[in-house]
Amino acid sequence: SLDVGMLPMDGVAILCTAMLVAAAFLTTILHRHRMTSI
């Protein structure tokens, strides 16, 4: 159901979410480079 109230999105929230997704993606892709993945 999409009829419930959602929290408003702002620039900071979008930036943090994008960084979270990108960091998780890089951790997976670069897992053989130990220090970079850490």
Full PDB file with SEQRES, HELIX, SHEET, SSBOND, CRYST1, ORIGX, SCALE, CONECT and MASTER records, all heavy atoms in Angstrom:
SEQRES   1 A   38  SER LEU ASP VAL GLY MET LEU PRO MET ASP GLY VAL ALA          
SEQRES   2 A   38  ILE LEU CYS THR ALA MET LEU VAL ALA ALA ALA PHE LEU          
SEQRES   3 A   38  THR THR ILE LEU HIS ARG HIS ARG MET THR SER ILE              
HELIX    1 AA1 GLY A   11  ILE A   29  1                                  19    
HELIX    2 AA2 ARG A   34  SER A   37  1                                   4    
CRYST1    1.000    1.000    1.000  90.00  90.00  90.00 P 1           1          
ORIGX1      1.000000  0.000000  0.000000        0.00000                         
ORIGX2      0.000000  1.000000  0.000000        0.00000                         
ORIGX3      0.000000  0.000000  1.000000        0.00000                         
SCALE1      1.000000  0.000000  0.000000        0.00000                         
SCALE2      0.000000  1.000000  0.000000        0.00000                         
SCALE3      0.000000  0.000000  1.000000        0.00000                         
ATOM      1  N   SER A   1       0.849  -1.188   0.000  1.00  0.00           N  
ATOM      2  CA  SER A   1       0.000   0.000   0.000  1.00  0.00           C  
ATOM      3  C   SER A   1       0.883   1.236   0.000  1.00  0.00           C  
ATOM      4  O   SER A   1       1.767   1.384   0.848  1.00  0.00           O  
ATOM      5  CB  SER A   1      -0.914  -0.001   1.233  1.00  0.00           C  
ATOM      6  OG  SER A   1      -1.646   1.201   1.301  1.00  0.00           O  
ATOM      7  N   LEU A   2       0.654   2.125  -0.949  1.00  0.00           N  
ATOM      8  CA  LEU A   2       1.424   3.358  -1.053  1.00  0.00           C  
ATOM      9  C   LEU A   2       0.632   4.561  -0.559  1.00  0.00           C  
ATOM     10  O   LEU A   2       0.992   5.711  -0.831  1.00  0.00           O  
ATOM     11  CB  LEU A   2       1.843   3.580  -2.516  1.00  0.00           C  
ATOM     12  CG  LEU A   2       2.692   2.463  -3.140  1.00  0.00           C  
ATOM     13  CD1 LEU A   2       3.000   2.783  -4.600  1.00  0.00           C  
ATOM     14  CD2 LEU A   2       3.981   2.247  -2.362  1.00  0.00           C  
ATOM     15  N   ASP A   3      -0.461   4.304   0.159  1.00  0.00           N  
ATOM     16  CA  ASP A   3      -1.314   5.389   0.624  1.00  0.00           C  
ATOM     17  C   ASP A   3      -0.890   5.951   1.973  1.00  0.00           C  
ATOM     18  O   ASP A   3      -1.522   6.863   2.489  1.00  0.00           O  
ATOM     19  CB  ASP A   3      -2.771   4.902   0.725  1.00  0.00           C  
ATOM     20  CG  ASP A   3      -3.308   4.455  -0.635  1.00  0.00           C  
ATOM     21  OD1 ASP A   3      -2.817   4.977  -1.653  1.00  0.00           O  
ATOM     22  OD2 ASP A   3      -4.194   3.588  -0.653  1.00  0.00           O  
ATOM     23  N   VAL A   4       0.152   5.381   2.575  1.00  0.00           N  
ATOM     24  CA  VAL A   4       0.597   5.851   3.888  1.00  0.00           C  
ATOM     25  C   VAL A   4       1.496   7.058   3.715  1.00  0.00           C  
ATOM     26  O   VAL A   4       2.089   7.296   2.657  1.00  0.00           O  
ATOM     27  CB  VAL A   4       1.338   4.727   4.637  1.00  0.00           C  
ATOM     28  CG1 VAL A   4       0.412   3.580   4.928  1.00  0.00           C  
ATOM     29  CG2 VAL A   4       2.542   4.263   3.839  1.00  0.00           C  
ATOM     30  N   GLY A   5       1.615   7.860   4.787  1.00  0.00           N  
ATOM     31  CA  GLY A   5       2.448   9.042   4.740  1.00  0.00           C  
ATOM     32  C   GLY A   5       3.931   8.696   4.715  1.00  0.00           C  
ATOM     33  O   GLY A   5       4.387   7.821   5.450  1.00  0.00           O  
ATOM     34  N   MET A   6       4.670   9.361   3.868  1.00  0.00           N  
ATOM     35  CA  MET A   6       6.107   9.134   3.741  1.00  0.00           C  
ATOM     36  C   MET A   6       6.871  10.347   4.270  1.00  0.00           C  
ATOM     37  O   MET A   6       6.366  11.469   4.259  1.00  0.00           O  
ATOM     38  CB  MET A   6       6.477   8.888   2.270  1.00  0.00           C  
ATOM     39  CG  MET A   6       5.751   7.718   1.638  1.00  0.00           C  
ATOM     40  SD  MET A   6       6.341   6.128   2.275  1.00  0.00           S  
ATOM     41  CE  MET A   6       5.335   4.999   1.296  1.00  0.00           C  
ATOM     42  N   LEU A   7       8.103  10.093   4.709  1.00  0.00           N  
ATOM     43  CA  LEU A   7       8.973  11.184   5.130  1.00  0.00           C  
ATOM     44  C   LEU A   7       9.401  11.993   3.909  1.00  0.00           C  
ATOM     45  O   LEU A   7       9.671  11.426   2.847  1.00  0.00           O  
ATOM     46  CB  LEU A   7      10.200  10.655   5.856  1.00  0.00           C  
ATOM     47  CG  LEU A   7       9.974  10.063   7.244  1.00  0.00           C  
ATOM     48  CD1 LEU A   7      11.297   9.507   7.781  1.00  0.00           C  
ATOM     49  CD2 LEU A   7       9.428  11.101   8.197  1.00  0.00           C  
ATOM     50  N   PRO A   8       9.468  13.303   4.023  1.00  0.00           N  
ATOM     51  CA  PRO A   8       9.907  14.108   2.874  1.00  0.00           C  
ATOM     52  C   PRO A   8      11.380  13.871   2.571  1.00  0.00           C  
ATOM     53  O   PRO A   8      12.198  13.653   3.465  1.00  0.00           O  
ATOM     54  CB  PRO A   8       9.650  15.547   3.342  1.00  0.00           C  
ATOM     55  CG  PRO A   8       9.696  15.471   4.842  1.00  0.00           C  
ATOM     56  CD  PRO A   8       9.142  14.131   5.199  1.00  0.00           C  
ATOM     57  N   MET A   9      11.747  13.921   1.312  1.00  0.00           N  
ATOM     58  CA  MET A   9      13.120  13.735   0.878  1.00  0.00           C  
ATOM     59  C   MET A   9      13.774  15.105   0.674  1.00  0.00           C  
ATOM     60  O   MET A   9      13.167  16.019   0.120  1.00  0.00           O  
ATOM     61  CB  MET A   9      13.171  12.947  -0.431  1.00  0.00           C  
ATOM     62  CG  MET A   9      12.687  11.520  -0.307  1.00  0.00           C  
ATOM     63  SD  MET A   9      13.758  10.508   0.735  1.00  0.00           S  
ATOM     64  CE  MET A   9      15.251  10.495  -0.263  1.00  0.00           C  
ATOM     65  N   ASP A  10      14.991  15.251   1.157  1.00  0.00           N  
ATOM     66  CA  ASP A  10      15.749  16.467   0.937  1.00  0.00           C  
ATOM     67  C   ASP A  10      17.097  16.117   0.346  1.00  0.00           C  
ATOM     68  O   ASP A  10      17.443  14.946   0.159  1.00  0.00           O  
ATOM     69  CB  ASP A  10      15.907  17.252   2.245  1.00  0.00           C  
ATOM     70  CG  ASP A  10      16.442  16.389   3.378  1.00  0.00           C  
ATOM     71  OD1 ASP A  10      17.327  15.553   3.115  1.00  0.00           O  
ATOM     72  OD2 ASP A  10      15.960  16.546   4.516  1.00  0.00           O  
ATOM     73  N   GLY A  11      17.886  17.131   0.078  1.00  0.00           N  
ATOM     74  CA  GLY A  11      19.171  16.911  -0.560  1.00  0.00           C  
ATOM     75  C   GLY A  11      20.132  16.083   0.270  1.00  0.00           C  
ATOM     76  O   GLY A  11      20.841  15.219  -0.258  1.00  0.00           O  
ATOM     77  N   VAL A  12      20.149  16.328   1.584  1.00  0.00           N  
ATOM     78  CA  VAL A  12      21.054  15.590   2.463  1.00  0.00           C  
ATOM     79  C   VAL A  12      20.674  14.107   2.505  1.00  0.00           C  
ATOM     80  O   VAL A  12      21.536  13.223   2.432  1.00  0.00           O  
ATOM     81  CB  VAL A  12      21.044  16.201   3.882  1.00  0.00           C  
ATOM     82  CG1 VAL A  12      21.912  15.369   4.822  1.00  0.00           C  
ATOM     83  CG2 VAL A  12      21.525  17.631   3.841  1.00  0.00           C  
ATOM     84  N   ALA A  13      19.363  13.834   2.608  1.00  0.00           N  
ATOM     85  CA  ALA A  13      18.916  12.438   2.656  1.00  0.00           C  
ATOM     86  C   ALA A  13      19.238  11.718   1.356  1.00  0.00           C  
ATOM     87  O   ALA A  13      19.690  10.565   1.356  1.00  0.00           O  
ATOM     88  CB  ALA A  13      17.424  12.384   2.939  1.00  0.00           C  
ATOM     89  N   ILE A  14      19.024  12.402   0.230  1.00  0.00           N  
ATOM     90  CA  ILE A  14      19.318  11.780  -1.068  1.00  0.00           C  
ATOM     91  C   ILE A  14      20.809  11.531  -1.208  1.00  0.00           C  
ATOM     92  O   ILE A  14      21.244  10.454  -1.670  1.00  0.00           O  
ATOM     93  CB  ILE A  14      18.801  12.681  -2.203  1.00  0.00           C  
ATOM     94  CG1 ILE A  14      17.263  12.769  -2.150  1.00  0.00           C  
ATOM     95  CG2 ILE A  14      19.254  12.151  -3.552  1.00  0.00           C  
ATOM     96  CD1 ILE A  14      16.674  13.717  -3.162  1.00  0.00           C  
ATOM     97  N   LEU A  15      21.641  12.488  -0.773  1.00  0.00           N  
ATOM     98  CA  LEU A  15      23.084  12.324  -0.866  1.00  0.00           C  
ATOM     99  C   LEU A  15      23.575  11.167   0.007  1.00  0.00           C  
ATOM    100  O   LEU A  15      24.381  10.331  -0.433  1.00  0.00           O  
ATOM    101  CB  LEU A  15      23.776  13.620  -0.457  1.00  0.00           C  
ATOM    102  CG  LEU A  15      25.315  13.581  -0.431  1.00  0.00           C  
ATOM    103  CD1 LEU A  15      25.856  13.294  -1.826  1.00  0.00           C  
ATOM    104  CD2 LEU A  15      25.872  14.897   0.103  1.00  0.00           C  
ATOM    105  N   CYS A  16      23.082  11.093   1.247  1.00  0.00           N  
ATOM    106  CA  CYS A  16      23.499  10.013   2.142  1.00  0.00           C  
ATOM    107  C   CYS A  16      23.064   8.653   1.615  1.00  0.00           C  
ATOM    108  O   CYS A  16      23.818   7.669   1.696  1.00  0.00           O  
ATOM    109  CB  CYS A  16      22.932  10.255   3.540  1.00  0.00           C  
ATOM    110  SG  CYS A  16      23.680  11.652   4.412  1.00  0.00           S  
ATOM    111  N   THR A  17      21.847   8.580   1.076  1.00  0.00           N  
ATOM    112  CA  THR A  17      21.365   7.318   0.516  1.00  0.00           C  
ATOM    113  C   THR A  17      22.201   6.895  -0.682  1.00  0.00           C  
ATOM    114  O   THR A  17      22.558   5.713  -0.832  1.00  0.00           O  
ATOM    115  CB  THR A  17      19.889   7.446   0.111  1.00  0.00           C  
ATOM    116  OG1 THR A  17      19.115   7.879   1.231  1.00  0.00           O  
ATOM    117  CG2 THR A  17      19.350   6.121  -0.383  1.00  0.00           C  
ATOM    118  N   ALA A  18      22.537   7.866  -1.545  1.00  0.00           N  
ATOM    119  CA  ALA A  18      23.364   7.553  -2.708  1.00  0.00           C  
ATOM    120  C   ALA A  18      24.753   7.081  -2.272  1.00  0.00           C  
ATOM    121  O   ALA A  18      25.315   6.129  -2.846  1.00  0.00           O  
ATOM    122  CB  ALA A  18      23.482   8.783  -3.612  1.00  0.00           C  
ATOM    123  N   MET A  19      25.319   7.724  -1.252  1.00  0.00           N  
ATOM    124  CA  MET A  19      26.626   7.300  -0.748  1.00  0.00           C  
ATOM    125  C   MET A  19      26.551   5.907  -0.136  1.00  0.00           C  
ATOM    126  O   MET A  19      27.474   5.090  -0.288  1.00  0.00           O  
ATOM    127  CB  MET A  19      27.141   8.304   0.286  1.00  0.00           C  
ATOM    128  CG  MET A  19      27.503   9.662  -0.281  1.00  0.00           C  
ATOM    129  SD  MET A  19      28.073  10.810   1.001  1.00  0.00           S  
ATOM    130  CE  MET A  19      29.556   9.980   1.562  1.00  0.00           C  
ATOM    131  N   LEU A  20      25.449   5.611   0.550  1.00  0.00           N  
ATOM    132  CA  LEU A  20      25.272   4.282   1.140  1.00  0.00           C  
ATOM    133  C   LEU A  20      25.230   3.214   0.061  1.00  0.00           C  
ATOM    134  O   LEU A  20      25.910   2.173   0.157  1.00  0.00           O  
ATOM    135  CB  LEU A  20      23.993   4.262   1.974  1.00  0.00           C  
ATOM    136  CG  LEU A  20      23.564   2.919   2.585  1.00  0.00           C  
ATOM    137  CD1 LEU A  20      24.617   2.428   3.562  1.00  0.00           C  
ATOM    138  CD2 LEU A  20      22.220   3.044   3.274  1.00  0.00           C  
ATOM    139  N   VAL A  21      24.435   3.464  -0.982  1.00  0.00           N  
ATOM    140  CA  VAL A  21      24.327   2.484  -2.069  1.00  0.00           C  
ATOM    141  C   VAL A  21      25.655   2.335  -2.799  1.00  0.00           C  
ATOM    142  O   VAL A  21      26.106   1.220  -3.104  1.00  0.00           O  
ATOM    143  CB  VAL A  21      23.204   2.908  -3.038  1.00  0.00           C  
ATOM    144  CG1 VAL A  21      23.166   1.982  -4.254  1.00  0.00           C  
ATOM    145  CG2 VAL A  21      21.854   2.902  -2.334  1.00  0.00           C  
ATOM    146  N   ALA A  22      26.311   3.467  -3.074  1.00  0.00           N  
ATOM    147  CA  ALA A  22      27.583   3.410  -3.800  1.00  0.00           C  
ATOM    148  C   ALA A  22      28.656   2.692  -2.989  1.00  0.00           C  
ATOM    149  O   ALA A  22      29.427   1.889  -3.527  1.00  0.00           O  
ATOM    150  CB  ALA A  22      28.038   4.829  -4.140  1.00  0.00           C  
ATOM    151  N   ALA A  23      28.716   2.975  -1.680  1.00  0.00           N  
ATOM    152  CA  ALA A  23      29.720   2.324  -0.842  1.00  0.00           C  
ATOM    153  C   ALA A  23      29.470   0.823  -0.743  1.00  0.00           C  
ATOM    154  O   ALA A  23      30.413   0.017  -0.777  1.00  0.00           O  
ATOM    155  CB  ALA A  23      29.727   2.960   0.546  1.00  0.00           C  
ATOM    156  N   ALA A  24      28.192   0.436  -0.611  1.00  0.00           N  
ATOM    157  CA  ALA A  24      27.874  -0.995  -0.566  1.00  0.00           C  
ATOM    158  C   ALA A  24      28.241  -1.668  -1.884  1.00  0.00           C  
ATOM    159  O   ALA A  24      28.772  -2.794  -1.910  1.00  0.00           O  
ATOM    160  CB  ALA A  24      26.389  -1.179  -0.264  1.00  0.00           C  
ATOM    161  N   PHE A  25      27.981  -0.982  -2.985  1.00  0.00           N  
ATOM    162  CA  PHE A  25      28.320  -1.532  -4.307  1.00  0.00           C  
ATOM    163  C   PHE A  25      29.834  -1.668  -4.461  1.00  0.00           C  
ATOM    164  O   PHE A  25      30.332  -2.699  -4.939  1.00  0.00           O  
ATOM    165  CB  PHE A  25      27.743  -0.618  -5.396  1.00  0.00           C  
ATOM    166  CG  PHE A  25      27.931  -1.142  -6.788  1.00  0.00           C  
ATOM    167  CD1 PHE A  25      27.151  -2.178  -7.270  1.00  0.00           C  
ATOM    168  CD2 PHE A  25      28.902  -0.601  -7.612  1.00  0.00           C  
ATOM    169  CE1 PHE A  25      27.329  -2.672  -8.551  1.00  0.00           C  
ATOM    170  CE2 PHE A  25      29.084  -1.084  -8.897  1.00  0.00           C  
ATOM    171  CZ  PHE A  25      28.296  -2.122  -9.363  1.00  0.00           C  
ATOM    172  N   LEU A  26      30.588  -0.652  -4.034  1.00  0.00           N  
ATOM    173  CA  LEU A  26      32.040  -0.709  -4.143  1.00  0.00           C  
ATOM    174  C   LEU A  26      32.615  -1.801  -3.241  1.00  0.00           C  
ATOM    175  O   LEU A  26      33.591  -2.470  -3.606  1.00  0.00           O  
ATOM    176  CB  LEU A  26      32.643   0.645  -3.770  1.00  0.00           C  
ATOM    177  CG  LEU A  26      32.488   1.761  -4.814  1.00  0.00           C  
ATOM    178  CD1 LEU A  26      33.040   3.069  -4.257  1.00  0.00           C  
ATOM    179  CD2 LEU A  26      33.193   1.397  -6.108  1.00  0.00           C  
ATOM    180  N   THR A  27      32.020  -1.976  -2.053  1.00  0.00           N  
ATOM    181  CA  THR A  27      32.495  -3.036  -1.157  1.00  0.00           C  
ATOM    182  C   THR A  27      32.374  -4.402  -1.816  1.00  0.00           C  
ATOM    183  O   THR A  27      33.251  -5.261  -1.671  1.00  0.00           O  
ATOM    184  CB  THR A  27      31.704  -3.014   0.157  1.00  0.00           C  
ATOM    185  OG1 THR A  27      31.824  -1.723   0.768  1.00  0.00           O  
ATOM    186  CG2 THR A  27      32.224  -4.062   1.123  1.00  0.00           C  
ATOM    187  N   THR A  28      31.287  -4.584  -2.560  1.00  0.00           N  
ATOM    188  CA  THR A  28      31.078  -5.863  -3.236  1.00  0.00           C  
ATOM    189  C   THR A  28      32.000  -6.031  -4.441  1.00  0.00           C  
ATOM    190  O   THR A  28      32.614  -7.090  -4.636  1.00  0.00           O  
ATOM    191  CB  THR A  28      29.614  -5.975  -3.688  1.00  0.00           C  
ATOM    192  OG1 THR A  28      28.755  -5.776  -2.566  1.00  0.00           O  
ATOM    193  CG2 THR A  28      29.337  -7.335  -4.289  1.00  0.00           C  
ATOM    194  N   ILE A  29      32.113  -4.981  -5.238  1.00  0.00           N  
ATOM    195  CA  ILE A  29      32.909  -5.072  -6.464  1.00  0.00           C  
ATOM    196  C   ILE A  29      34.401  -5.173  -6.153  1.00  0.00           C  
ATOM    197  O   ILE A  29      35.140  -5.936  -6.794  1.00  0.00           O  
ATOM    198  CB  ILE A  29      32.629  -3.855  -7.368  1.00  0.00           C  
ATOM    199  CG1 ILE A  29      31.150  -3.843  -7.792  1.00  0.00           C  
ATOM    200  CG2 ILE A  29      33.541  -3.876  -8.587  1.00  0.00           C  
ATOM    201  CD1 ILE A  29      30.721  -5.053  -8.570  1.00  0.00           C  
ATOM    202  N   LEU A  30      34.856  -4.415  -5.148  1.00  0.00           N  
ATOM    203  CA  LEU A  30      36.286  -4.354  -4.832  1.00  0.00           C  
ATOM    204  C   LEU A  30      36.654  -5.228  -3.645  1.00  0.00           C  
ATOM    205  O   LEU A  30      37.588  -4.912  -2.906  1.00  0.00           O  
ATOM    206  CB  LEU A  30      36.680  -2.900  -4.547  1.00  0.00           C  
ATOM    207  CG  LEU A  30      36.381  -1.888  -5.654  1.00  0.00           C  
ATOM    208  CD1 LEU A  30      36.751  -0.492  -5.209  1.00  0.00           C  
ATOM    209  CD2 LEU A  30      37.135  -2.252  -6.939  1.00  0.00           C  
ATOM    210  N   HIS A  31      35.936  -6.322  -3.441  1.00  0.00           N  
ATOM    211  CA  HIS A  31      36.187  -7.129  -2.246  1.00  0.00           C  
ATOM    212  C   HIS A  31      37.552  -7.800  -2.271  1.00  0.00           C  
ATOM    213  O   HIS A  31      38.077  -8.180  -1.225  1.00  0.00           O  
ATOM    214  CB  HIS A  31      35.086  -8.193  -2.100  1.00  0.00           C  
ATOM    215  CG  HIS A  31      35.120  -9.247  -3.158  1.00  0.00           C  
ATOM    216  ND1 HIS A  31      34.548  -9.051  -4.401  1.00  0.00           N  
ATOM    217  CD2 HIS A  31      35.667 -10.492  -3.181  1.00  0.00           C  
ATOM    218  CE1 HIS A  31      34.726 -10.139  -5.134  1.00  0.00           C  
ATOM    219  NE2 HIS A  31      35.406 -11.022  -4.429  1.00  0.00           N  
ATOM    220  N   ARG A  32      38.169  -7.948  -3.444  1.00  0.00           N  
ATOM    221  CA  ARG A  32      39.499  -8.555  -3.497  1.00  0.00           C  
ATOM    222  C   ARG A  32      40.595  -7.568  -3.090  1.00  0.00           C  
ATOM    223  O   ARG A  32      41.691  -7.979  -2.757  1.00  0.00           O  
ATOM    224  CB  ARG A  32      39.767  -9.114  -4.888  1.00  0.00           C  
ATOM    225  CG  ARG A  32      39.017 -10.420  -5.171  1.00  0.00           C  
ATOM    226  CD  ARG A  32      39.500 -11.071  -6.438  1.00  0.00           C  
ATOM    227  NE  ARG A  32      39.169 -10.269  -7.596  1.00  0.00           N  
ATOM    228  CZ  ARG A  32      38.017 -10.346  -8.258  1.00  0.00           C  
ATOM    229  NH1 ARG A  32      37.090 -11.203  -7.851  1.00  0.00           N  
ATOM    230  NH2 ARG A  32      37.780  -9.601  -9.295  1.00  0.00           N  
ATOM    231  N   HIS A  33      40.308  -6.272  -3.161  1.00  0.00           N  
ATOM    232  CA  HIS A  33      41.233  -5.252  -2.667  1.00  0.00           C  
ATOM    233  C   HIS A  33      40.867  -4.976  -1.215  1.00  0.00           C  
ATOM    234  O   HIS A  33      39.965  -4.178  -0.921  1.00  0.00           O  
ATOM    235  CB  HIS A  33      41.136  -3.984  -3.511  1.00  0.00           C  
ATOM    236  CG  HIS A  33      41.410  -4.212  -4.963  1.00  0.00           C  
ATOM    237  ND1 HIS A  33      42.664  -4.081  -5.515  1.00  0.00           N  
ATOM    238  CD2 HIS A  33      40.593  -4.598  -5.978  1.00  0.00           C  
ATOM    239  CE1 HIS A  33      42.610  -4.350  -6.814  1.00  0.00           C  
ATOM    240  NE2 HIS A  33      41.366  -4.672  -7.122  1.00  0.00           N  
ATOM    241  N   ARG A  34      41.522  -5.621  -0.296  1.00  0.00           N  
ATOM    242  CA  ARG A  34      41.066  -5.668   1.090  1.00  0.00           C  
ATOM    243  C   ARG A  34      40.951  -4.298   1.726  1.00  0.00           C  
ATOM    244  O   ARG A  34      39.929  -3.961   2.324  1.00  0.00           O  
ATOM    245  CB  ARG A  34      41.993  -6.574   1.911  1.00  0.00           C  
ATOM    246  CG  ARG A  34      42.027  -8.015   1.418  1.00  0.00           C  
ATOM    247  CD  ARG A  34      42.739  -8.890   2.415  1.00  0.00           C  
ATOM    248  NE  ARG A  34      42.893 -10.259   1.929  1.00  0.00           N  
ATOM    249  CZ  ARG A  34      41.957 -11.191   1.974  1.00  0.00           C  
ATOM    250  NH1 ARG A  34      40.783 -10.893   2.482  1.00  0.00           N  
ATOM    251  NH2 ARG A  34      42.188 -12.411   1.525  1.00  0.00           N  
ATOM    252  N   MET A  35      42.006  -3.478   1.632  1.00  0.00           N  
ATOM    253  CA  MET A  35      41.970  -2.185   2.297  1.00  0.00           C  
ATOM    254  C   MET A  35      40.905  -1.274   1.691  1.00  0.00           C  
ATOM    255  O   MET A  35      40.191  -0.558   2.408  1.00  0.00           O  
ATOM    256  CB  MET A  35      43.352  -1.535   2.219  1.00  0.00           C  
ATOM    257  CG  MET A  35      43.491  -0.282   3.086  1.00  0.00           C  
ATOM    258  SD  MET A  35      43.136  -0.598   4.831  1.00  0.00           S  
ATOM    259  CE  MET A  35      44.455  -1.744   5.220  1.00  0.00           C  
ATOM    260  N   THR A  36      40.786  -1.293   0.365  1.00  0.00           N  
ATOM    261  CA  THR A  36      39.762  -0.466  -0.286  1.00  0.00           C  
ATOM    262  C   THR A  36      38.362  -0.903   0.119  1.00  0.00           C  
ATOM    263  O   THR A  36      37.485  -0.070   0.382  1.00  0.00           O  
ATOM    264  CB  THR A  36      39.918  -0.547  -1.819  1.00  0.00           C  
ATOM    265  OG1 THR A  36      41.250  -0.195  -2.175  1.00  0.00           O  
ATOM    266  CG2 THR A  36      38.948   0.395  -2.504  1.00  0.00           C  
ATOM    267  N   SER A  37      38.133  -2.214   0.189  1.00  0.00           N  
ATOM    268  CA  SER A  37      36.804  -2.696   0.577  1.00  0.00           C  
ATOM    269  C   SER A  37      36.499  -2.371   2.033  1.00  0.00           C  
ATOM    270  O   SER A  37      35.348  -2.069   2.375  1.00  0.00           O  
ATOM    271  CB  SER A  37      36.718  -4.210   0.340  1.00  0.00           C  
ATOM    272  OG  SER A  37      37.672  -4.897   1.132  1.00  0.00           O  
ATOM    273  N   ILE A  38      37.517  -2.386   2.908  1.00  0.00           N  
ATOM    274  CA  ILE A  38      37.286  -2.017   4.310  1.00  0.00           C  
ATOM    275  C   ILE A  38      36.882  -0.557   4.419  1.00  0.00           C  
ATOM    276  O   ILE A  38      35.969  -0.182   5.165  1.00  0.00           O  
ATOM    277  CB  ILE A  38      38.539  -2.317   5.154  1.00  0.00           C  
ATOM    278  CG1 ILE A  38      38.738  -3.818   5.301  1.00  0.00           C  
ATOM    279  CG2 ILE A  38      38.438  -1.675   6.531  1.00  0.00           C  
ATOM    280  CD1 ILE A  38      39.987  -4.187   6.059  1.00  0.00           C  
TER     281      ILE A  38                                                      
MASTER        0    0    0    2    0    0    0    6  280    1    0    3          
END                                                                             
